[in-house]
């Protein structure tokens, strides 16, 4: 691989000290980019191709919520939630420290922490390798990574199928499966 040596500086590689006002100077203990921006740098939220650029609310790890959570934005849970979570059309992510004892209704659910309760997702449920889910799942797609824990039933819905799993005659369709696993293979 070719590496340039002794190349002249370009405008992109100028140090911030040449761009600062004449009254400011760098001291040996000051980072060279200390005056680049006066605004705080936002923390990037987990990205997903399906996630729009809308806001995401966060429940921090020291917060405990008991009751019903509803809204119209995505939610990241790193604390404890007991009750119900109803965010249709949005994403719910249960973070590594998150502990949820609630039924969850959302467009997409990602489980990295622990969840006890049933889930209904209009799109997908994703249980990551550190995640634990005890409850039934109704979704179009489900993903369970190696090392994840899942105990409950799975009902895979077709895009235009109703969530109750019955057809026009009222008979239950044979699309559900019951599983208890400490996932040894990823399922999609």
Protein backbone atom coordinates (compact mmCIF):
# COMPACT_ATOMS: atom_id res chain seq x y z
CA UNK A 1 0.00 0.00 0.00
CA UNK A 2 1.37 3.44 -0.93
CA UNK A 3 1.72 5.98 1.84
CA UNK A 4 2.47 9.62 1.12
CA UNK A 5 5.52 11.12 2.81
CA UNK A 6 6.39 14.78 3.24
CA UNK A 7 3.35 16.08 1.39
CA UNK A 8 2.50 19.77 1.76
CA UNK A 9 -0.49 20.77 3.90
CA UNK A 10 -3.83 21.15 2.19
CA UNK A 11 -6.65 23.38 3.50
CA UNK A 12 -8.40 20.31 4.94
CA UNK A 13 -5.42 19.45 7.13
CA UNK A 14 -4.85 22.89 8.63
CA UNK A 15 -4.84 22.91 12.38
CA UNK A 16 -7.67 24.77 14.06
CA UNK A 17 -5.10 27.18 15.58
CA UNK A 18 -4.68 28.86 12.18
CA UNK A 19 -8.43 29.40 11.93
CA UNK A 20 -8.95 30.84 15.43
CA UNK A 21 -9.24 34.52 16.25
CA UNK A 22 -5.93 36.24 16.93
CA UNK A 23 -6.72 36.57 20.66
CA UNK A 24 -6.89 32.83 21.34
CA UNK A 25 -3.88 30.58 21.66
CA UNK A 26 -3.37 26.88 22.17
CA UNK A 27 -1.72 25.75 25.36
CA UNK A 28 -0.06 22.33 25.59
CA UNK A 29 -3.03 20.97 27.61
CA UNK A 30 -5.72 22.26 25.23
CA UNK A 31 -6.92 19.91 22.46
CA UNK A 32 -6.24 21.33 19.01
CA UNK A 33 -9.95 21.15 18.07
CA UNK A 34 -11.26 22.86 21.22
CA UNK A 35 -12.75 25.83 19.32
CA UNK A 36 -14.20 23.97 16.32
CA UNK A 37 -17.81 24.10 17.50
CA UNK A 38 -19.55 25.85 20.36
CA UNK A 39 -22.67 23.65 20.10
CA UNK A 40 -22.96 20.29 21.89
CA UNK A 41 -22.48 17.27 19.69
CA UNK A 42 -25.69 15.18 19.46
CA UNK A 43 -25.47 11.50 20.29
CA UNK A 44 -26.40 9.36 17.32
CA UNK A 45 -29.37 7.04 17.84
CA UNK A 46 -29.26 3.49 16.48
CA UNK A 47 -30.00 3.70 12.76
CA UNK A 48 -32.26 1.44 10.78
CA UNK A 49 -33.22 1.64 7.13
CA UNK A 50 -36.90 1.67 8.14
CA UNK A 51 -36.50 4.29 10.85
CA UNK A 52 -37.29 7.80 9.75
CA UNK A 53 -35.51 10.89 10.99
CA UNK A 54 -38.13 11.51 13.69
CA UNK A 55 -37.26 12.02 17.33
CA UNK A 56 -36.55 9.15 19.72
CA UNK A 57 -37.44 9.38 23.39
CA UNK A 58 -35.22 7.70 25.98
CA UNK A 59 -36.04 6.21 29.35
CA UNK A 60 -32.75 6.28 31.26
CA UNK A 61 -31.44 3.43 33.37
CA UNK A 62 -32.37 5.08 36.69
CA UNK A 63 -36.01 5.69 35.67
CA UNK A 64 -38.94 3.45 36.64
CA UNK A 65 -42.28 3.90 34.87
CA UNK A 66 -45.45 2.16 36.02
CA UNK A 67 -48.52 2.53 33.83
CA UNK A 68 -49.31 3.08 30.17
CA UNK A 69 -46.77 4.52 27.72
CA UNK A 70 -48.29 5.92 24.51
CA UNK A 71 -47.07 8.34 21.90
CA UNK A 72 -46.07 8.98 18.32
CA UNK A 73 -42.28 8.71 18.42
CA UNK A 74 -39.75 5.92 18.78
CA UNK A 75 -38.67 4.90 22.28
CA UNK A 76 -35.39 3.61 23.71
CA UNK A 77 -35.78 1.97 27.13
CA UNK A 78 -32.72 1.54 29.32
CA UNK A 79 -34.67 1.66 32.60
CA UNK A 80 -37.66 -0.23 33.99
CA UNK A 81 -41.20 -0.14 32.57
CA UNK A 82 -44.23 -1.96 34.03
CA UNK A 83 -47.67 -1.78 32.42
CA UNK A 84 -48.21 -1.35 28.67
CA UNK A 85 -46.38 0.29 25.78
CA UNK A 86 -48.47 1.36 22.79
CA UNK A 87 -46.46 3.09 20.04
CA UNK A 88 -47.99 1.90 16.74
CA UNK A 89 -46.01 2.96 13.71
CA UNK A 90 -42.82 3.48 15.74
CA UNK A 91 -39.83 1.54 17.01
CA UNK A 92 -39.37 0.35 20.60
CA UNK A 93 -35.86 -0.66 21.64
CA UNK A 94 -35.23 -2.30 25.00
CA UNK A 95 -31.59 -1.51 25.73
CA UNK A 96 -29.00 -3.63 27.50
CA UNK A 97 -30.06 -2.34 30.94
CA UNK A 98 -33.77 -2.28 30.11
CA UNK A 99 -36.24 -4.43 32.08
CA UNK A 100 -39.80 -4.38 30.75
CA UNK A 101 -42.85 -6.13 32.22
CA UNK A 102 -45.41 -4.94 29.71
CA UNK A 103 -47.32 -5.80 26.57
CA UNK A 104 -45.75 -3.92 23.66
CA UNK A 105 -47.49 -2.75 20.47
CA UNK A 106 -45.26 -1.06 17.87
CA UNK A 107 -44.12 -1.17 14.25
CA UNK A 108 -40.77 -2.66 15.22
CA UNK A 109 -39.40 -4.02 18.52
CA UNK A 110 -35.72 -4.65 19.27
CA UNK A 111 -34.90 -6.57 22.46
CA UNK A 112 -31.38 -6.30 23.87
CA UNK A 113 -32.44 -6.37 27.55
CA UNK A 114 -35.22 -8.32 29.30
CA UNK A 115 -38.91 -8.34 28.40
CA UNK A 116 -41.82 -10.21 30.01
CA UNK A 117 -45.00 -9.65 28.07
CA UNK A 118 -46.66 -10.13 24.72
CA UNK A 119 -45.56 -8.23 21.62
CA UNK A 120 -47.51 -7.14 18.57
CA UNK A 121 -45.40 -5.61 15.82
CA UNK A 122 -46.79 -4.50 12.47
CA UNK A 123 -43.38 -5.16 10.91
CA UNK A 124 -40.70 -7.04 12.86
CA UNK A 125 -39.36 -8.24 16.21
CA UNK A 126 -35.61 -8.57 16.67
CA UNK A 127 -34.21 -10.38 19.73
CA UNK A 128 -30.47 -9.74 19.98
CA UNK A 129 -27.91 -12.14 21.46
CA UNK A 130 -28.07 -10.59 24.96
CA UNK A 131 -31.87 -10.25 24.84
CA UNK A 132 -34.48 -12.22 26.74
CA UNK A 133 -38.18 -12.40 25.84
CA UNK A 134 -40.85 -14.33 27.70
CA UNK A 135 -44.18 -13.87 25.95
CA UNK A 136 -46.06 -14.34 22.70
CA UNK A 137 -45.05 -12.54 19.50
CA UNK A 138 -47.30 -11.46 16.62
CA UNK A 139 -45.33 -9.95 13.73
CA UNK A 140 -44.62 -10.17 10.01
CA UNK A 141 -40.96 -11.03 10.66
CA UNK A 142 -38.93 -12.21 13.65
CA UNK A 143 -35.20 -12.50 14.16
CA UNK A 144 -33.60 -14.36 17.09
CA UNK A 145 -29.82 -14.18 17.35
CA UNK A 146 -27.54 -16.86 18.75
CA UNK A 147 -27.45 -16.66 22.54
CA UNK A 148 -30.84 -14.96 22.87
CA UNK A 149 -33.53 -16.40 25.16
CA UNK A 150 -37.11 -16.77 23.99
CA UNK A 151 -40.06 -18.54 25.58
CA UNK A 152 -43.50 -18.12 24.06
CA UNK A 153 -45.54 -18.40 20.92
CA UNK A 154 -44.86 -16.92 17.51
CA UNK A 155 -47.61 -15.88 15.09
CA UNK A 156 -46.21 -14.75 11.74
CA UNK A 157 -48.70 -12.43 10.05
CA UNK A 158 -48.95 -11.80 6.34
CA UNK A 159 -48.93 -8.08 5.43
CA UNK A 160 -52.74 -7.84 5.06
CA UNK A 161 -53.67 -10.39 7.74
CA UNK A 162 -55.51 -9.26 10.86
CA UNK A 163 -53.68 -9.51 14.18
CA UNK A 164 -56.20 -11.89 15.79
CA UNK A 165 -55.07 -14.75 13.52
CA UNK A 166 -58.52 -15.72 12.33
CA UNK A 167 -59.79 -15.91 8.80
CA UNK A 168 -63.26 -14.97 7.56
CA UNK A 169 -64.80 -18.18 8.91
CA UNK A 170 -63.49 -17.47 12.42
CA UNK A 171 -61.17 -20.49 12.37
CA UNK A 172 -57.69 -20.02 13.71
CA UNK A 173 -55.05 -20.22 11.01
CA UNK A 174 -52.22 -22.68 11.64
CA UNK A 175 -49.50 -20.01 11.41
CA UNK A 176 -48.39 -19.94 15.02
CA UNK A 177 -45.59 -21.85 16.68
CA UNK A 178 -44.63 -22.26 20.31
CA UNK A 179 -40.99 -22.29 21.22
CA UNK A 180 -38.70 -22.31 24.23
CA UNK A 181 -35.14 -21.81 23.22
CA UNK A 182 -31.80 -20.49 24.15
CA UNK A 183 -31.31 -19.76 20.45
CA UNK A 184 -28.60 -21.90 18.96
CA UNK A 185 -29.21 -20.65 15.44
CA UNK A 186 -30.43 -17.36 14.08
CA UNK A 187 -33.96 -17.36 12.72
CA UNK A 188 -35.26 -14.86 10.23
